[in-house]
Amino acid sequence: MDREIKDFLNFLAIERGLAGNTVISYKSDLYFFKSFCLNRKFNPLGTGGRPAVSAYLAHLKREGRSPSTISRRLAALRSLYGFLINEGRIEIDPTENMESPKKAQKLPRVLTTGEVDTLLAQPRISTPAGLRDKAMLELLYATGMRVTELVSLEKGDLNLEEGYIRCLGKGSKERIVPIGQMAVHFLEAYMLKARAKLMGDKNSKHLFLNRRGGKLTRQGFWKIIKKYTGRSKIKKDITPHTLRHSFATHLLENGADLRAVQELLGHADISTTQIYTHITGTRLKEVHRKSHPRA
């Protein structure tokens, strides 16, 4: 099987132009399988192909490999056997109709309302950058928008008189999201007192600017939120997406309709939004366990 793997890796590198690290990852996964077949005396290219793959997956599960690792290694085998079929070297794909293990659904990390208040209180609004940061954090929690959407906002997307903002989501889908009084207040303050100072002698259509007057980037916002996480002393791993997750969870906890939350988040499929119902259910169980005398 050594020659087949090498030819496949050359195909990935040369014809498909995959990155070196990706090819190395394929190589590692495929040589694990080759070694397993040699030790168990399977012929993975003949009639023993399907038993070999089945035994290999069972072996990985017994070893305690995660579902994502098993799925990745099965995907590598599917790609290899697909290549060999197209090359006319084998006639039957032993991975056909084999299901990948289901990945455990990870619940997103959210903040309590108290933790949100603590985080949002960190920027020092006496400086232009601090006022910008305060406006961004308030807007992010008020709307649940993605960080990419936040840093891509332009001045024309903002309507403070009517209290809404227009943002472009995935697939350039536009949605209108209402913003609350607190976010409106700090956005007005930012526009009045800070944005022009950050822009300097430049002219920019972007809403949120860096210290050089250019568009703030995702990486720039990442550094900002990490700075305020450190100041807040909140013992959770807070990412730029944490406020989006917290926004959705807090809405549902306070009785918001799932369809409305889906619209606000810009999810194409409501099943994506439903993960937040698992979070609220988990919290309800925890409250019941702590509070009920017979829990």
Foldseek 3Di string as FASTA:
>chain_A
DVVLLVVLLCCCCPVVVDDPVVSVVLVVLVVVLVVQCVVVVADCQPPRVLVSLVVVLVVCVVVVHALVVSQVSLVSLQSSQVVCVVVVNGPDRSSPPPDRDDHDDDQDDADDPVLLVLLLPQQDCVALVSLLLSLLSLQCLQQLEAVVFSLQAFPVQDDLVVAWGWTQDPPRDIAITGGDPVSSVSLVVSVVPHLCCQLDPHDDRTSRADNVNHGQDLVNVQVVSVVSCVVSVPPDDDGSNRSSLHSLLVCVLVPHDLVVNCRSHVPPDSVVSCSSVVVSVVVVVVCCVVPPPVD
